[in-house]
Amino acid sequence: MLNLLDYPFDSKKILRKKKLLKKELLQNKDLIKKKIAILGGSSTNELKEQLELFLLKSKIKPEFYECEFCQYYETVMFDENSFFEFNPDYVYLHVSIENLKSLNDQNRSSKDKALDEFVKLESIWNKINKKLNCQIIQDNFEFPEVKSLGNYDVSSKDSVINTISQLNLMIHEAANKKSFLHICDRNYLSNKHGLSIWKDNNLWISAKYSLSYIAITNLSYILCNIIGSIIGLSKKCLVLDLDNTLWGGVIGDDGLEGITLGKDTPTGEAYLEFQNYIKLLKKRGVILAVCSKNEINIAKSGFDHPDSILKISDFTVFKANWDLKSKNILDIAKEINIGLDSLVFIDDNPAERELVRKDLNGQVCVPEIGDNIVNYRAILDSADFFSISSLSHEDIKRNEYYQDNLEREKHLSNFENYIDYLKSLNMSAEIDHFKEMYVTRITQLTNKTNQFNLTTKRVTETEIKNSVTDKNTISLYARLVDKFGDNGLVSLIQGKIFQDLIEIELWLMSCRVFNRTLEYSLMYEFIKKAKKQKIKIIKGKY
């Protein structure tokens, strides 16, 4: 029944099965607890209940606060005690064009109207950030269903559409400057589904829901992905079948000349577009792997096709053999050193998809991609598995880091003594105080790293910036380079000074540098800094 919460969604079935779904999801006791405040400009109960289902499926157990109907501004600006005492981890501002009071003021320019609405929103964000220092998710705005000026509405400098466009741009620019602010792209979703589907006027008039049930389901799902990406629960690796997935036909039977790929045919062009989309995912940090039932040399030959956008070098791990695909996927996860729940498997064969789900107990995400290549890209993109809240230099180079790690593993096989292997790497660490240039990466690491994270404390970019100049804090980062390449910024430690005692608040390390002894070097430098400040006791938390 939990497959009801897999994209694409059947909103009617989810509405009918909500209670049963929640009951089943709550059987999982290994859940991360998070507090989420929903400040709504319309009714929010249905959105809250569906968001809860998606969060539970993502192993997050939410505790909710809902403001009174349409009191989102008053709740924050007039210091509603219950809201600030709730102390949320996330605040979601669920607003719509119905909440934009100045929208239809025909005596003012679009720019002035947009600025008025933006100033109101910004005052809410700034107060929440100052008093709660939490993450804020803000809806942008969809266009109206009706246009009073007809087609001229899009050209008029004072029209509703122009006002909304300018307001959305202001919100986007603010999100680029405020690290605590994240946009829920309601405007894109409404365009994607169509405005006639996005809103149900009967539901608005009868219950003051600004969205249709279909829209509520899809928005709830995207919200869940935004929260998951901030925590670090987004998928990391895309595992791909080959035949009839990356090209049409069977490379072992049809040969290189016989597979369908390229602009000569509509089907070949669809495979080309899918490959191009995958290449874009790789460029922004998604790890790529192959899992195919095939002879490895024959499988690799498919990428020699002159129209193939993807090349062998794009894949961190390449598994082509006659083993069960579930076994190969297990091996891929082990080689990359990530959890099974970080993998997404794409295969045109429904039998293979079901077998992987069953053999791996549902730990690997296996979307119902179907068997029509024309739909692959849209389904994978809409499912939003690889959602990100920021994009760092380390993200872009992630594939390179993991490929270097595989070279290290091969190199390790030449040694019987592990210490000799470590010495042969010629490792060099850069350990220093937090720097402004690394603030985004440090913030990202604190919110994503889970395996070696002694306190699992999540911090904001503002907090990291403050610690750069805080004299009562010792904050160190570590980068690691060896003869195979640069691992990037992979570890950090931070402690708060109380007279002659320092308490470690953060100590974490990326999984890609486990067993490299970097933690010893980092702690050694931390102790040196502590001694210089006359500290006698170091207190650690786990």
Protein backbone atom coordinates (compact mmCIF):
# COMPACT_ATOMS: atom_id res chain seq x y z
CA MET A 1 0.00 0.00 0.00
CA LEU A 2 2.95 2.34 0.60
CA ASN A 3 3.51 2.49 -3.16
CA LEU A 4 0.60 4.98 -3.16
CA LEU A 5 3.20 7.47 -1.96
CA ASP A 6 5.44 6.87 -4.98
CA TYR A 7 5.28 9.23 -7.95
CA PRO A 8 3.00 9.47 -9.96
CA PHE A 9 0.27 9.89 -7.34
CA ASP A 10 -3.39 8.95 -7.17
CA SER A 11 -4.69 11.72 -4.89
CA LYS A 12 -8.11 10.14 -4.47
CA LYS A 13 -6.63 6.87 -3.21
CA ILE A 14 -4.26 8.70 -0.86
CA LEU A 15 -7.24 10.61 0.59
CA ARG A 16 -9.13 7.35 1.16
CA LYS A 17 -6.18 5.46 2.65
CA LYS A 18 -4.61 8.22 4.79
CA LYS A 19 -5.26 6.62 8.16
CA LEU A 20 -4.11 3.16 7.07
CA LEU A 21 -0.98 4.60 5.47
CA LYS A 22 -0.10 6.54 8.62
CA LYS A 23 -0.66 3.50 10.82
CA GLU A 24 1.67 1.38 8.66
CA LEU A 25 4.34 4.10 8.44
CA LEU A 26 4.39 4.61 12.21
CA GLN A 27 5.45 0.99 12.70
CA ASN A 28 8.95 2.15 11.77
CA LYS A 29 10.53 3.22 15.08
CA ASP A 30 13.77 4.46 13.49
CA LEU A 31 12.50 7.97 12.71
CA ILE A 32 14.09 11.42 12.88
CA LYS A 33 11.93 13.84 14.87
CA LYS A 34 11.41 17.32 13.44
CA LYS A 35 9.19 20.26 14.40
CA ILE A 36 7.40 21.95 11.50
CA ALA A 37 5.31 25.10 11.79
CA ILE A 38 2.82 25.72 8.98
CA LEU A 39 1.78 29.37 8.71
CA GLY A 40 -1.09 29.41 6.27
CA GLY A 41 -2.89 32.08 4.32
CA SER A 42 -5.57 29.44 3.60
CA SER A 43 -6.73 26.16 5.15
CA THR A 44 -3.78 23.84 5.81
CA ASN A 45 -5.10 20.71 7.56
CA GLU A 46 -5.21 18.49 4.47
CA LEU A 47 -1.76 19.64 3.39
CA LYS A 48 -0.43 18.90 6.88
CA GLU A 49 -1.86 15.36 6.87
CA GLN A 50 -0.46 14.49 3.44
CA LEU A 51 2.89 16.10 4.21
CA GLU A 52 3.05 13.92 7.32
CA LEU A 53 2.64 10.77 5.20
CA PHE A 54 5.47 11.71 2.83
CA LEU A 55 7.74 12.70 5.73
CA LEU A 56 7.08 9.43 7.57
CA LYS A 57 7.94 7.52 4.40
CA SER A 58 11.21 9.49 4.35
CA LYS A 59 11.83 8.40 7.97
CA ILE A 60 11.01 11.80 9.45
CA LYS A 61 8.44 11.97 12.25
CA PRO A 62 6.97 15.48 12.24
CA GLU A 63 5.39 17.43 15.05
CA PHE A 64 3.23 20.21 13.64
CA TYR A 65 2.15 23.70 14.61
CA GLU A 66 -0.60 25.39 12.58
CA CYS A 67 -1.44 29.06 12.96
CA GLU A 68 -5.02 30.26 13.03
CA PHE A 69 -6.64 30.59 9.61
CA CYS A 70 -4.94 33.33 7.56
CA GLN A 71 -3.02 34.66 10.59
CA TYR A 72 0.48 33.96 9.28
CA TYR A 73 1.55 37.62 9.47
CA GLU A 74 0.00 38.29 12.88
CA THR A 75 1.40 35.08 14.37
CA VAL A 76 4.97 36.19 13.70
CA MET A 77 4.83 39.97 13.91
CA PHE A 78 2.60 40.17 17.00
CA ASP A 79 4.66 37.58 18.91
CA GLU A 80 2.19 34.72 19.24
CA ASN A 81 3.58 32.84 22.28
CA SER A 82 2.46 29.39 21.18
CA PHE A 83 4.39 29.73 17.91
CA PHE A 84 7.68 30.92 19.38
CA GLU A 85 7.46 28.45 22.28
CA PHE A 86 6.97 25.65 19.76
CA ASN A 87 10.51 26.46 18.53
CA PRO A 88 10.25 24.80 15.11
CA ASP A 89 13.06 23.36 13.02
CA TYR A 90 11.23 24.50 9.88
CA VAL A 91 8.66 27.20 9.19
CA TYR A 92 6.58 26.83 6.05
CA LEU A 93 4.80 29.92 4.75
CA HIS A 94 1.87 28.55 2.76
CA VAL A 95 0.49 31.55 0.91
CA SER A 96 -1.32 32.15 -2.36
CA ILE A 97 -2.38 35.03 -4.61
CA GLU A 98 -5.53 35.36 -2.48
CA ASN A 99 -3.27 36.69 0.30
CA LEU A 100 -1.80 39.47 -1.84
CA LYS A 101 -3.94 42.41 -0.70
CA SER A 102 -2.50 45.00 -3.09
CA LEU A 103 -2.71 42.81 -6.18
CA ASN A 104 -5.78 44.41 -7.72
CA ASP A 105 -4.99 48.02 -6.82
CA GLN A 106 -5.28 49.58 -10.27
CA ASN A 107 -3.92 52.94 -9.15
CA ARG A 108 -0.38 51.67 -8.49
CA SER A 109 2.37 50.18 -10.64
CA SER A 110 3.18 46.48 -10.59
CA LYS A 111 6.63 47.25 -9.21
CA ASP A 112 5.24 49.17 -6.24
CA LYS A 113 2.63 46.50 -5.50
CA ALA A 114 5.20 43.71 -5.72
CA LEU A 115 7.57 45.63 -3.43
CA ASP A 116 4.82 46.13 -0.83
CA GLU A 117 4.11 42.40 -0.71
CA PHE A 118 7.80 41.52 -0.66
CA VAL A 119 8.54 43.87 2.27
CA LYS A 120 5.74 42.21 4.23
CA LEU A 121 7.15 38.73 3.56
CA GLU A 122 10.72 39.80 4.27
CA SER A 123 9.74 41.24 7.64
CA ILE A 124 8.30 37.82 8.54
CA TRP A 125 11.44 35.98 7.44
CA ASN A 126 13.78 38.32 9.28
CA LYS A 127 11.86 38.12 12.54
CA ILE A 128 11.65 34.33 12.42
CA ASN A 129 15.36 34.13 11.65
CA LYS A 130 16.27 36.53 14.46
CA LYS A 131 14.15 34.88 17.14
CA LEU A 132 14.23 31.20 16.09
CA ASN A 133 17.20 30.86 13.72
CA CYS A 134 15.46 28.04 11.84
CA GLN A 135 14.98 27.10 8.20
CA ILE A 136 12.15 28.88 6.35
CA ILE A 137 10.32 27.49 3.32
CA GLN A 138 8.40 30.12 1.35
CA ASP A 139 5.86 29.53 -1.41
CA ASN A 140 6.28 31.65 -4.47
CA PHE A 141 3.10 32.53 -6.37
CA GLU A 142 1.13 31.00 -9.21
CA PHE A 143 -0.57 33.08 -11.88
CA PRO A 144 -4.32 33.73 -11.63
CA GLU A 145 -6.81 31.56 -13.50
CA VAL A 146 -8.47 34.61 -15.06
CA LYS A 147 -6.98 37.65 -16.77
CA SER A 148 -9.09 40.79 -16.65
CA LEU A 149 -7.17 42.31 -19.55
CA GLY A 150 -7.24 39.17 -21.67
CA ASN A 151 -4.10 38.49 -23.65
CA TYR A 152 -2.94 42.08 -23.07
CA ASP A 153 -2.46 41.16 -19.38
CA VAL A 154 0.94 39.69 -20.22
CA SER A 155 2.06 42.97 -21.84
CA SER A 156 0.62 45.51 -19.44
CA LYS A 157 3.24 46.87 -17.06
CA ASP A 158 0.66 47.20 -14.28
CA SER A 159 -1.12 43.86 -14.69
CA VAL A 160 -1.57 41.12 -12.09
CA ILE A 161 0.73 38.79 -14.04
CA ASN A 162 3.47 41.42 -14.13
CA THR A 163 3.08 42.03 -10.37
CA ILE A 164 3.37 38.32 -9.58
CA SER A 165 6.37 37.90 -11.90
CA GLN A 166 8.20 40.77 -10.19
CA LEU A 167 7.31 39.50 -6.72
CA ASN A 168 8.55 35.99 -7.54
CA LEU A 169 11.81 37.44 -8.83
CA MET A 170 12.27 39.41 -5.58
CA ILE A 171 11.67 36.23 -3.55
CA HIS A 172 14.18 34.29 -5.68
CA GLU A 173 16.84 36.98 -5.27
CA ALA A 174 16.25 37.01 -1.50
CA ALA A 175 16.66 33.22 -1.31
CA ASN A 176 20.06 33.56 -2.99
CA LYS A 177 21.17 35.96 -0.27
CA LYS A 178 19.49 34.37 2.78
CA SER A 179 20.82 30.88 3.42
CA PHE A 180 17.94 30.07 5.77
CA LEU A 181 15.32 30.76 3.08
CA HIS A 182 14.16 28.06 0.66
CA ILE A 183 11.56 28.43 -2.10
CA CYS A 184 8.75 25.97 -2.66
CA ASP A 185 8.25 26.52 -6.37
CA ARG A 186 4.46 26.70 -6.44
CA ASN A 187 4.64 28.75 -9.64
CA TYR A 188 6.40 25.96 -11.56
CA LEU A 189 4.13 23.24 -10.18
CA SER A 190 0.99 25.16 -11.13
CA ASN A 191 2.30 25.60 -14.67
CA LYS A 192 3.25 21.95 -14.88
CA HIS A 193 -0.15 20.63 -13.78
CA GLY A 194 -2.18 23.43 -15.35
CA LEU A 195 -4.03 26.20 -13.54
CA SER A 196 -7.42 24.57 -14.18
CA ILE A 197 -6.23 21.50 -12.26
CA TRP A 198 -4.14 23.38 -9.70
CA LYS A 199 -7.11 25.08 -8.06
CA ASP A 200 -10.59 23.78 -7.23
CA ASN A 201 -12.93 26.75 -6.85
CA ASN A 202 -15.54 24.64 -5.06
CA LEU A 203 -12.91 23.64 -2.50
CA TRP A 204 -11.89 27.30 -2.08
CA ILE A 205 -15.44 28.54 -1.57
CA SER A 206 -16.51 25.67 0.72
CA ALA A 207 -13.36 25.12 2.80
CA LYS A 208 -10.90 27.90 1.89
CA TYR A 209 -8.26 25.54 0.44
CA SER A 210 -6.24 27.49 -2.11
CA LEU A 211 -5.30 24.25 -3.89
CA SER A 212 -7.12 21.27 -5.39
CA TYR A 213 -6.59 17.85 -3.84
CA ILE A 214 -4.27 16.92 -6.72
CA ALA A 215 -2.22 20.06 -6.07
CA ILE A 216 -2.12 19.42 -2.31
CA THR A 217 -0.64 15.96 -2.87
CA ASN A 218 2.03 17.16 -5.29
CA LEU A 219 2.93 20.22 -3.21
CA SER A 220 3.17 18.09 -0.05
CA TYR A 221 5.57 15.75 -1.83
CA ILE A 222 7.82 18.60 -2.99
CA LEU A 223 7.77 20.09 0.53
CA CYS A 224 8.89 16.76 1.92
CA ASN A 225 11.76 16.67 -0.58
CA ILE A 226 12.83 20.20 0.37
CA ILE A 227 12.96 19.27 4.06
CA GLY A 228 14.74 16.01 3.24
CA SER A 229 17.35 17.80 1.12
CA ILE A 230 18.12 20.22 3.98
CA ILE A 231 18.59 17.29 6.36
CA GLY A 232 20.65 15.39 3.79
CA LEU A 233 18.19 12.61 2.91
CA SER A 234 18.16 13.15 -0.86
CA LYS A 235 19.27 10.30 -3.09
CA LYS A 236 22.91 10.33 -4.19
CA CYS A 237 23.33 7.67 -6.86
CA LEU A 238 21.41 6.79 -10.03
CA VAL A 239 21.83 3.12 -11.05
CA LEU A 240 20.92 2.45 -14.66
CA ASP A 241 20.08 -0.55 -16.77
CA LEU A 242 21.32 -0.33 -20.38
CA ASP A 243 19.27 -2.15 -23.04
CA ASN A 244 15.98 -0.33 -23.74
CA THR A 245 16.87 2.12 -20.95
CA LEU A 246 19.80 4.15 -22.27
CA TRP A 247 19.32 3.01 -25.87
CA GLY A 248 16.72 1.08 -27.82
CA GLY A 249 17.38 -2.58 -28.54
CA VAL A 250 19.72 -5.19 -27.09
CA ILE A 251 23.39 -4.46 -27.66
CA GLY A 252 24.33 -8.16 -27.41
CA ASP A 253 21.89 -9.17 -30.15
CA ASP A 254 21.64 -6.09 -32.35
CA GLY A 255 25.25 -4.90 -32.19
CA LEU A 256 26.40 -1.30 -32.05
CA GLU A 257 24.91 -0.50 -35.45
CA GLY A 258 21.53 -1.98 -34.54
CA ILE A 259 20.70 -0.09 -31.33
CA THR A 260 18.33 2.89 -31.51
CA LEU A 261 19.97 6.17 -30.45
CA GLY A 262 20.20 9.58 -32.10
CA LYS A 263 18.09 12.08 -34.03
CA ASP A 264 17.41 9.84 -37.03
CA THR A 265 14.22 8.48 -35.43
CA PRO A 266 11.76 9.83 -32.82
CA THR A 267 12.53 6.91 -30.49
CA GLY A 268 16.27 7.40 -30.89
CA GLU A 269 15.88 11.09 -30.10
CA ALA A 270 13.91 10.24 -26.93
CA TYR A 271 16.80 8.05 -25.72
CA LEU A 272 19.17 10.89 -26.57
CA GLU A 273 17.13 13.34 -24.47
CA PHE A 274 17.09 10.89 -21.55
CA GLN A 275 20.87 10.51 -21.74
CA ASN A 276 21.27 14.27 -21.85
CA TYR A 277 19.12 14.64 -18.71
CA ILE A 278 21.24 12.03 -16.90
CA LYS A 279 24.40 13.87 -17.96
CA LEU A 280 22.99 17.06 -16.39
CA LEU A 281 22.33 15.17 -13.14
CA LYS A 282 25.92 13.97 -13.15
CA LYS A 283 27.26 17.49 -13.71
CA ARG A 284 25.54 18.72 -10.54
CA GLY A 285 26.82 15.86 -8.39
CA VAL A 286 24.62 12.78 -8.81
CA ILE A 287 26.74 9.62 -8.89
CA LEU A 288 26.08 7.36 -11.89
CA ALA A 289 26.38 3.56 -11.96
CA VAL A 290 25.49 0.79 -14.40
CA CYS A 291 23.72 -2.47 -13.48
CA SER A 292 23.12 -4.62 -16.55
CA LYS A 293 22.73 -8.32 -17.34
CA ASN A 294 25.32 -8.50 -20.07
CA GLU A 295 28.90 -9.32 -20.96
CA ILE A 296 30.92 -6.38 -19.72
CA ASN A 297 32.81 -5.68 -22.98
CA ILE A 298 29.61 -5.86 -25.02
CA ALA A 299 27.81 -3.61 -22.52
CA LYS A 300 30.57 -1.01 -22.64
CA SER A 301 30.60 -1.02 -26.44
CA GLY A 302 27.19 0.69 -26.44
CA PHE A 303 28.85 3.89 -25.30
CA ASP A 304 31.02 3.88 -28.44
CA HIS A 305 27.93 4.82 -30.42
CA PRO A 306 28.69 8.15 -32.15
CA ASP A 307 25.48 9.71 -30.82
CA SER A 308 25.89 8.56 -27.21
CA ILE A 309 26.06 11.53 -24.85
CA LEU A 310 27.06 9.35 -21.91
CA LYS A 311 30.54 7.81 -21.89
CA ILE A 312 32.16 5.08 -19.79
CA SER A 313 34.01 7.76 -17.82
CA ASP A 314 30.68 9.18 -16.59
CA PHE A 315 30.04 6.10 -14.44
CA THR A 316 31.65 5.62 -11.06
CA VAL A 317 30.79 1.90 -10.95
CA PHE A 318 30.04 -0.36 -13.92
CA LYS A 319 28.43 -3.76 -13.24
CA ALA A 320 27.66 -5.89 -16.28
CA ASN A 321 27.37 -9.64 -15.63
CA TRP A 322 24.75 -12.38 -15.19
CA ASP A 323 24.33 -12.06 -11.43
CA LEU A 324 21.08 -10.97 -9.83
CA LYS A 325 20.70 -7.21 -10.18
CA SER A 326 19.96 -6.97 -6.46
CA LYS A 327 23.41 -8.45 -5.74
CA ASN A 328 25.08 -6.00 -8.11
CA ILE A 329 23.24 -3.09 -6.53
CA LEU A 330 24.44 -4.21 -3.10
CA ASP A 331 27.99 -4.30 -4.45
CA ILE A 332 27.59 -0.83 -5.99
CA ALA A 333 26.51 0.60 -2.62
CA LYS A 334 29.47 -1.06 -0.87
CA GLU A 335 32.01 0.13 -3.42
CA ILE A 336 30.79 3.72 -3.27
CA ASN A 337 30.31 3.42 0.51
CA ILE A 338 26.77 4.79 0.69
CA GLY A 339 23.53 3.36 2.07
CA LEU A 340 21.05 1.48 -0.10
CA ASP A 341 18.49 4.17 0.63
CA SER A 342 20.69 6.63 -1.29
CA LEU A 343 20.21 4.70 -4.55
CA VAL A 344 17.63 5.02 -7.33
CA PHE A 345 17.40 2.13 -9.82
CA ILE A 346 16.03 2.65 -13.35
CA ASP A 347 15.12 -0.38 -15.46
CA ASP A 348 12.60 -0.78 -18.31
CA ASN A 349 11.81 -4.39 -17.25
CA PRO A 350 8.95 -4.55 -14.69
CA ALA A 351 10.03 -8.02 -13.54
CA GLU A 352 13.54 -6.77 -12.73
CA ARG A 353 12.12 -3.74 -10.93
CA GLU A 354 9.89 -5.89 -8.74
CA LEU A 355 12.69 -8.37 -8.00
CA VAL A 356 15.03 -5.60 -6.83
CA ARG A 357 12.29 -4.14 -4.60
CA LYS A 358 11.62 -7.56 -3.07
CA ASP A 359 15.24 -8.73 -2.68
CA LEU A 360 16.38 -5.44 -1.10
CA ASN A 361 13.30 -5.04 1.13
CA GLY A 362 12.30 -1.78 -0.47
CA GLN A 363 15.49 -0.03 0.67
CA VAL A 364 16.41 1.00 -2.87
CA CYS A 365 14.08 3.41 -4.63
CA VAL A 366 12.73 1.76 -7.80
CA PRO A 367 10.29 4.09 -9.60
CA GLU A 368 7.61 2.75 -11.94
CA ILE A 369 9.34 4.12 -15.00
CA GLY A 370 7.15 2.12 -17.41
CA ASP A 371 8.42 0.93 -20.79
CA ASN A 372 8.00 4.05 -22.93
CA ILE A 373 11.26 5.97 -23.24
CA VAL A 374 9.31 9.16 -24.06
CA ASN A 375 8.16 9.29 -20.40
CA TYR A 376 11.43 8.37 -18.63
CA ARG A 377 12.85 11.86 -18.30
CA ALA A 378 9.58 13.45 -17.12
CA ILE A 379 8.94 10.72 -14.53
CA LEU A 380 12.46 10.83 -13.12
CA ASP A 381 12.46 14.63 -12.99
CA SER A 382 9.00 14.89 -11.42
CA ALA A 383 9.89 12.33 -8.76
CA ASP A 384 12.56 14.82 -7.60
CA PHE A 385 14.72 12.13 -5.95
CA PHE A 386 17.89 14.22 -6.11
CA SER A 387 16.47 17.42 -4.62
CA ILE A 388 19.10 19.84 -3.27
CA SER A 389 18.90 22.87 -1.02
CA SER A 390 22.28 24.26 -2.15
CA LEU A 391 24.98 23.44 -4.67
CA SER A 392 28.60 23.49 -3.54
CA HIS A 393 31.90 22.92 -5.32
CA GLU A 394 32.11 19.54 -3.55
CA ASP A 395 28.71 18.54 -4.99
CA ILE A 396 29.84 19.23 -8.54
CA LYS A 397 33.03 17.20 -8.02
CA ARG A 398 31.33 14.33 -6.15
CA ASN A 399 31.69 11.84 -9.03
CA GLU A 400 35.38 12.63 -9.28
CA TYR A 401 35.84 12.09 -5.53
CA TYR A 402 34.20 8.67 -5.62
CA GLN A 403 36.07 7.60 -8.74
CA ASP A 404 39.32 8.55 -7.01
CA ASN A 405 38.22 6.44 -4.02
CA LEU A 406 37.80 3.41 -6.26
CA GLU A 407 41.39 3.90 -7.45
CA ARG A 408 42.44 3.96 -3.79
CA GLU A 409 40.62 0.67 -3.20
CA LYS A 410 42.45 -0.93 -6.13
CA HIS A 411 45.72 0.44 -4.78
CA LEU A 412 44.96 -1.06 -1.34
CA SER A 413 44.94 -4.59 -2.82
CA ASN A 414 48.70 -4.24 -3.38
CA PHE A 415 49.36 -4.06 0.37
CA GLU A 416 49.19 -6.61 3.18
CA ASN A 417 49.73 -3.96 5.85
CA TYR A 418 47.12 -1.19 6.06
CA ILE A 419 49.51 1.32 7.65
CA ASP A 420 51.90 0.87 4.71
CA TYR A 421 48.98 1.56 2.38
CA LEU A 422 48.14 4.79 4.22
CA LYS A 423 51.75 5.93 4.06
CA SER A 424 51.84 5.23 0.32
CA LEU A 425 48.96 7.65 -0.26
CA ASN A 426 51.16 10.64 0.63
CA MET A 427 48.26 12.31 2.40
CA SER A 428 48.31 16.00 3.16
CA ALA A 429 45.69 17.74 5.30
CA GLU A 430 44.78 21.41 5.38
CA ILE A 431 43.38 22.14 8.85
CA ASP A 432 42.43 25.69 9.76
CA HIS A 433 39.80 27.92 11.34
CA PHE A 434 36.48 28.27 9.53
CA LYS A 435 36.75 30.63 6.56
CA GLU A 436 34.09 32.69 4.83
CA MET A 437 34.80 30.96 1.51
CA TYR A 438 33.86 27.57 2.99
CA VAL A 439 30.71 28.59 4.89
CA THR A 440 28.27 27.04 2.39
CA ARG A 441 30.12 23.71 2.28
CA ILE A 442 30.52 23.57 6.08
CA THR A 443 26.80 24.26 6.55
CA GLN A 444 25.95 21.60 3.98
CA LEU A 445 28.21 19.05 5.67
CA THR A 446 26.61 19.59 9.07
CA ASN A 447 23.16 19.03 7.62
CA LYS A 448 24.00 16.04 5.43
CA THR A 449 26.59 13.94 7.25
CA ASN A 450 25.03 11.21 9.37
CA GLN A 451 27.39 8.23 9.64
CA PHE A 452 30.27 9.94 11.46
CA ASN A 453 28.50 12.78 13.22
CA LEU A 454 28.92 12.62 16.97
CA THR A 455 26.16 15.07 17.90
CA THR A 456 24.02 15.26 14.70
CA LYS A 457 23.46 18.91 15.54
CA ARG A 458 22.22 20.77 12.45
CA VAL A 459 23.34 24.36 12.03
CA THR A 460 22.44 27.22 9.73
CA GLU A 461 24.73 29.24 7.48
CA THR A 462 24.17 32.24 9.75
CA GLU A 463 25.44 30.25 12.76
CA ILE A 464 28.51 29.12 10.82
CA LYS A 465 29.22 32.71 9.73
CA ASN A 466 28.96 33.86 13.34
CA SER A 467 31.40 31.20 14.51
CA VAL A 468 34.03 32.46 12.02
CA THR A 469 34.55 35.53 14.23
CA ASP A 470 33.40 34.15 17.61
CA LYS A 471 36.33 34.32 20.06
CA ASN A 472 34.56 31.90 22.40
CA THR A 473 34.53 29.17 19.78
CA ILE A 474 37.22 26.95 18.30
CA SER A 475 36.01 25.92 14.84
CA LEU A 476 38.26 23.92 12.51
CA TYR A 477 37.72 22.39 9.08
CA ALA A 478 39.85 19.79 7.33
CA ARG A 479 40.59 19.19 3.66
CA LEU A 480 42.45 16.07 2.55
CA VAL A 481 44.62 15.58 -0.53
CA ASP A 482 46.55 12.47 -1.58
CA LYS A 483 48.28 11.17 -4.67
CA PHE A 484 44.96 10.14 -6.23
CA GLY A 485 43.35 13.55 -5.91
CA ASP A 486 41.67 16.13 -3.72
CA ASN A 487 38.95 14.79 -1.38
CA GLY A 488 37.67 18.31 -0.73
CA LEU A 489 36.47 19.72 2.60
CA VAL A 490 35.50 16.53 4.43
CA SER A 491 35.60 17.09 8.19
CA LEU A 492 35.10 19.69 10.90
CA ILE A 493 35.10 20.12 14.64
CA GLN A 494 33.66 22.94 16.73
CA GLY A 495 33.74 23.61 20.45
CA LYS A 496 32.27 26.28 22.75
CA ILE A 497 34.52 27.78 25.43
CA PHE A 498 33.29 28.14 29.02
CA GLN A 499 36.22 29.62 31.03
CA ASP A 500 38.79 26.78 31.24
CA LEU A 501 36.49 24.17 29.63
CA ILE A 502 35.59 23.62 26.00
CA GLU A 503 32.57 21.56 24.98
CA ILE A 504 32.58 19.91 21.54
CA GLU A 505 29.32 20.84 19.80
CA LEU A 506 30.12 19.41 16.37
CA TRP A 507 32.46 16.72 15.15
CA LEU A 508 31.76 15.07 11.84
CA MET A 509 33.42 13.59 8.79
CA SER A 510 32.37 12.58 5.28
CA CYS A 511 32.16 8.83 4.70
CA ARG A 512 34.53 9.05 1.75
CA VAL A 513 37.54 9.54 4.06
CA PHE A 514 36.74 6.89 6.68
CA ASN A 515 39.72 4.89 7.97
CA ARG A 516 42.25 7.46 6.81
CA THR A 517 43.20 8.67 10.37
CA LEU A 518 42.16 12.23 9.54
CA GLU A 519 40.15 12.42 12.78
CA TYR A 520 43.37 12.03 14.81
CA SER A 521 45.03 14.94 13.03
CA LEU A 522 41.95 17.11 13.44
CA MET A 523 41.67 16.38 17.16
CA TYR A 524 45.41 17.00 17.61
CA GLU A 525 45.05 20.48 16.07
CA PHE A 526 41.94 21.13 18.17
CA ILE A 527 43.88 20.29 21.36
CA LYS A 528 46.75 22.59 20.31
CA LYS A 529 44.31 25.49 19.84
CA ALA A 530 42.64 24.72 23.19
CA LYS A 531 45.97 24.71 25.03
CA LYS A 532 46.86 28.10 23.58
CA GLN A 533 43.68 29.48 25.15
CA LYS A 534 44.56 28.00 28.57
CA ILE A 535 41.76 25.43 28.44
CA LYS A 536 42.16 22.53 30.88
CA ILE A 537 39.16 20.32 30.10
CA ILE A 538 37.68 19.11 26.80
CA LYS A 539 34.14 17.78 27.13
CA GLY A 540 32.79 15.61 24.33
CA LYS A 541 29.22 14.61 23.54
CA TYR A 542 27.93 11.60 21.64
